[in-house]
C-alpha atoms as a PDB file:
ATOM      1  CA  UNK A   1     144.088 132.384 122.649  1.00  0.00           C
ATOM      2  CA  UNK A   2     145.332 130.364 119.495  1.00  0.00           C
ATOM      3  CA  UNK A   3     143.622 131.548 116.253  1.00  0.00           C
ATOM      4  CA  UNK A   4     143.011 127.889 115.280  1.00  0.00           C
ATOM      5  CA  UNK A   5     140.396 127.379 118.248  1.00  0.00           C
ATOM      6  CA  UNK A   6     137.048 129.037 118.774  1.00  0.00           C
ATOM      7  CA  UNK A   7     135.918 127.828 122.219  1.00  0.00           C
ATOM      8  CA  UNK A   8     132.774 129.750 122.137  1.00  0.00           C
ATOM      9  CA  UNK A   9     131.447 127.348 119.240  1.00  0.00           C
ATOM     10  CA  UNK A  10     133.208 124.177 120.580  1.00  0.00           C
ATOM     11  CA  UNK A  11     134.735 123.735 117.177  1.00  0.00           C
ATOM     12  CA  UNK A  12     138.408 123.633 115.964  1.00  0.00           C
ATOM     13  CA  UNK A  13     139.056 125.497 113.234  1.00  0.00           C
ATOM     14  CA  UNK A  14     141.415 124.239 110.434  1.00  0.00           C
ATOM     15  CA  UNK A  15     141.874 120.826 109.428  1.00  0.00           C
ATOM     16  CA  UNK A  16     138.668 119.505 110.846  1.00  0.00           C
ATOM     17  CA  UNK A  17     136.584 122.296 108.916  1.00  0.00           C
ATOM     18  CA  UNK A  18     138.210 121.667 105.786  1.00  0.00           C
ATOM     19  CA  UNK A  19     137.911 117.997 106.057  1.00  0.00           C
ATOM     20  CA  UNK A  20     133.993 118.387 106.756  1.00  0.00           C
ATOM     21  CA  UNK A  21     133.602 120.729 103.718  1.00  0.00           C
ATOM     22  CA  UNK A  22     135.500 118.325 101.548  1.00  0.00           C
ATOM     23  CA  UNK A  23     133.274 115.298 102.646  1.00  0.00           C
ATOM     24  CA  UNK A  24     129.941 117.458 101.849  1.00  0.00           C
ATOM     25  CA  UNK A  25     131.431 118.503  98.574  1.00  0.00           C
ATOM     26  CA  UNK A  26     132.336 114.848  97.683  1.00  0.00           C
ATOM     27  CA  UNK A  27     128.903 113.524  98.922  1.00  0.00           C
ATOM     28  CA  UNK A  28     127.235 115.968  96.408  1.00  0.00           C
ATOM     29  CA  UNK A  29     129.196 114.517  93.528  1.00  0.00           C
ATOM     30  CA  UNK A  30     128.374 110.832  94.401  1.00  0.00           C
ATOM     31  CA  UNK A  31     125.497 109.235  92.702  1.00  0.00           C
ATOM     32  CA  UNK A  32     124.407 107.584  95.730  1.00  0.00           C
ATOM     33  CA  UNK A  33     122.939 110.682  97.207  1.00  0.00           C
ATOM     34  CA  UNK A  34     120.826 111.350  94.375  1.00  0.00           C
ATOM     35  CA  UNK A  35     116.970 111.575  94.818  1.00  0.00           C
ATOM     36  CA  UNK A  36     114.521 113.277  97.119  1.00  0.00           C
ATOM     37  CA  UNK A  37     115.227 113.334 100.848  1.00  0.00           C
ATOM     38  CA  UNK A  38     112.213 111.408 102.188  1.00  0.00           C
ATOM     39  CA  UNK A  39     110.970 111.959 105.739  1.00  0.00           C
ATOM     40  CA  UNK A  40     110.364 108.937 107.878  1.00  0.00           C
ATOM     41  CA  UNK A  41     106.563 110.038 108.806  1.00  0.00           C
ATOM     42  CA  UNK A  42     103.645 107.598 107.869  1.00  0.00           C
ATOM     43  CA  UNK A  43     100.845 109.047 105.551  1.00  0.00           C
ATOM     44  CA  UNK A  44      97.401 107.697 105.101  1.00  0.00           C
ATOM     45  CA  UNK A  45      95.981 107.790 101.596  1.00  0.00           C
ATOM     46  CA  UNK A  46      92.295 108.123 102.524  1.00  0.00           C
ATOM     47  CA  UNK A  47      90.764 110.412 105.346  1.00  0.00           C
ATOM     48  CA  UNK A  48      87.326 110.476 105.763  1.00  0.00           C
ATOM     49  CA  UNK A  49      85.401 112.873 107.947  1.00  0.00           C
ATOM     50  CA  UNK A  50      82.237 110.931 109.266  1.00  0.00           C
ATOM     51  CA  UNK A  51      79.342 113.113 110.163  1.00  0.00           C
ATOM     52  CA  UNK A  52      75.722 112.367 111.113  1.00  0.00           C
ATOM     53  CA  UNK A  53      72.627 114.105 109.449  1.00  0.00           C
ATOM     54  CA  UNK A  54      73.053 117.086 111.879  1.00  0.00           C
ATOM     55  CA  UNK A  55      76.924 117.457 110.859  1.00  0.00           C
ATOM     56  CA  UNK A  56      78.164 116.151 114.324  1.00  0.00           C
ATOM     57  CA  UNK A  57      80.925 113.538 114.322  1.00  0.00           C
ATOM     58  CA  UNK A  58      80.091 110.319 113.794  1.00  0.00           C
ATOM     59  CA  UNK A  59      83.174 107.824 113.191  1.00  0.00           C
ATOM     60  CA  UNK A  60      82.792 106.166 116.690  1.00  0.00           C
ATOM     61  CA  UNK A  61      80.830 102.824 116.157  1.00  0.00           C
ATOM     62  CA  UNK A  62      81.102 103.136 112.290  1.00  0.00           C
ATOM     63  CA  UNK A  63      83.280 100.428 110.057  1.00  0.00           C
ATOM     64  CA  UNK A  64      84.710 101.138 106.854  1.00  0.00           C
ATOM     65  CA  UNK A  65      86.364  99.343 104.064  1.00  0.00           C
ATOM     66  CA  UNK A  66      88.578 100.457 101.167  1.00  0.00           C
ATOM     67  CA  UNK A  67      88.902  98.106  98.113  1.00  0.00           C
ATOM     68  CA  UNK A  68      91.589  98.294  95.660  1.00  0.00           C
ATOM     69  CA  UNK A  69      90.898  95.214  93.488  1.00  0.00           C
ATOM     70  CA  UNK A  70      92.156  92.152  95.320  1.00  0.00           C
ATOM     71  CA  UNK A  71      93.320  94.528  98.338  1.00  0.00           C
ATOM     72  CA  UNK A  72      90.962  95.199 101.129  1.00  0.00           C
ATOM     73  CA  UNK A  73      91.934  97.774 104.012  1.00  0.00           C
ATOM     74  CA  UNK A  74      89.833  98.075 107.142  1.00  0.00           C
ATOM     75  CA  UNK A  75      89.413 101.811 108.010  1.00  0.00           C
ATOM     76  CA  UNK A  76      90.599 102.598 111.250  1.00  0.00           C
ATOM     77  CA  UNK A  77      88.766 105.236 113.844  1.00  0.00           C
ATOM     78  CA  UNK A  78      90.845 108.122 114.371  1.00  0.00           C
ATOM     79  CA  UNK A  79      89.411 110.470 116.492  1.00  0.00           C
ATOM     80  CA  UNK A  80      85.500 111.319 117.054  1.00  0.00           C
ATOM     81  CA  UNK A  81      84.856 112.298 113.368  1.00  0.00           C
ATOM     82  CA  UNK A  82      87.738 110.466 111.155  1.00  0.00           C
ATOM     83  CA  UNK A  83      88.305 107.172 109.437  1.00  0.00           C
ATOM     84  CA  UNK A  84      91.907 106.685 107.811  1.00  0.00           C
ATOM     85  CA  UNK A  85      93.006 103.824 105.831  1.00  0.00           C
ATOM     86  CA  UNK A  86      95.481 103.211 102.596  1.00  0.00           C
ATOM     87  CA  UNK A  87      98.524 103.865 104.630  1.00  0.00           C
ATOM     88  CA  UNK A  88     101.424 104.508 102.107  1.00  0.00           C
ATOM     89  CA  UNK A  89      99.306 102.736  99.468  1.00  0.00           C
ATOM     90  CA  UNK A  90      98.528 104.341  96.121  1.00  0.00           C
ATOM     91  CA  UNK A  91      95.414 103.021  94.229  1.00  0.00           C
ATOM     92  CA  UNK A  92      91.979 103.547  93.030  1.00  0.00           C
ATOM     93  CA  UNK A  93      89.467 102.519  95.868  1.00  0.00           C
ATOM     94  CA  UNK A  94      85.814 101.759  96.435  1.00  0.00           C
ATOM     95  CA  UNK A  95      84.976 102.892  99.968  1.00  0.00           C
ATOM     96  CA  UNK A  96      82.174 101.893 102.211  1.00  0.00           C
ATOM     97  CA  UNK A  97      81.433 103.015 105.494  1.00  0.00           C
ATOM     98  CA  UNK A  98      78.623 101.438 107.682  1.00  0.00           C
ATOM     99  CA  UNK A  99      77.066 102.287 111.065  1.00  0.00           C
ATOM    100  CA  UNK A 100      74.234 100.797 112.945  1.00  0.00           C
ATOM    101  CA  UNK A 101      70.948 102.834 112.340  1.00  0.00           C
ATOM    102  CA  UNK A 102      72.493 104.507 109.268  1.00  0.00           C
ATOM    103  CA  UNK A 103      72.348 104.071 105.698  1.00  0.00           C
ATOM    104  CA  UNK A 104      75.704 102.650 104.110  1.00  0.00           C
ATOM    105  CA  UNK A 105      77.763 105.710 102.525  1.00  0.00           C
ATOM    106  CA  UNK A 106      80.072 104.836  99.614  1.00  0.00           C
ATOM    107  CA  UNK A 107      82.371 106.334  97.352  1.00  0.00           C
ATOM    108  CA  UNK A 108      83.790 104.746  93.941  1.00  0.00           C
ATOM    109  CA  UNK A 109      87.025 105.174  92.134  1.00  0.00           C
ATOM    110  CA  UNK A 110      88.772 107.520  94.698  1.00  0.00           C
ATOM    111  CA  UNK A 111      92.401 107.606  93.297  1.00  0.00           C
ATOM    112  CA  UNK A 112      95.266 108.163  95.868  1.00  0.00           C
ATOM    113  CA  UNK A 113      98.422 109.092  94.081  1.00  0.00           C
ATOM    114  CA  UNK A 114     102.165 108.794  95.214  1.00  0.00           C
ATOM    115  CA  UNK A 115     105.363 110.045  94.665  1.00  0.00           C
ATOM    116  CA  UNK A 116     108.946 108.665  95.534  1.00  0.00           C
ATOM    117  CA  UNK A 117     108.350 109.397  99.131  1.00  0.00           C
ATOM    118  CA  UNK A 118     104.721 109.022 100.244  1.00  0.00           C
ATOM    119  CA  UNK A 119     101.053 109.057  98.929  1.00  0.00           C
ATOM    120  CA  UNK A 120      99.052 112.088  98.446  1.00  0.00           C
ATOM    121  CA  UNK A 121      96.302 111.943 100.631  1.00  0.00           C
ATOM    122  CA  UNK A 122      92.508 112.261  99.681  1.00  0.00           C
ATOM    123  CA  UNK A 123      90.190 113.903 102.020  1.00  0.00           C
ATOM    124  CA  UNK A 124      86.573 112.863 101.688  1.00  0.00           C
ATOM    125  CA  UNK A 125      83.162 113.668 103.695  1.00  0.00           C
ATOM    126  CA  UNK A 126      80.846 110.872 104.797  1.00  0.00           C
ATOM    127  CA  UNK A 127      77.426 112.283 105.660  1.00  0.00           C
ATOM    128  CA  UNK A 128      75.586 109.304 107.327  1.00  0.00           C
ATOM    129  CA  UNK A 129      71.825 109.206 106.621  1.00  0.00           C
ATOM    130  CA  UNK A 130      69.680 107.432 109.236  1.00  0.00           C
ATOM    131  CA  UNK A 131      67.279 104.433 108.179  1.00  0.00           C
ATOM    132  CA  UNK A 132      63.927 105.832 107.682  1.00  0.00           C
END
């Protein structure tokens, strides 16, 4: 067998590998490649666990809003006990969650921060209290 081939890896050793290493080294010195390696996933700034007075999941049938100045986001029900919102959006939110037969739950000045890539999600718990 020729010493420049490694059939068990399917890679030709020699010029091709040397070129690949040189390309990586050049890319490392290129200013266009400086910065974080961000992921493509989508993250919510707000995640609220919604429970009833007995601690059972209560997101079904609930509606919610997150307001940051002129921006308003309608919270989405995500599973039996969770509402999410502020997708990839930093801000300071006033949040309300309403459900028929229950008092409105609210939280004020909830701050969602972000870095170069994504928001840093805030997790809250909304305990819904029945209307007397």
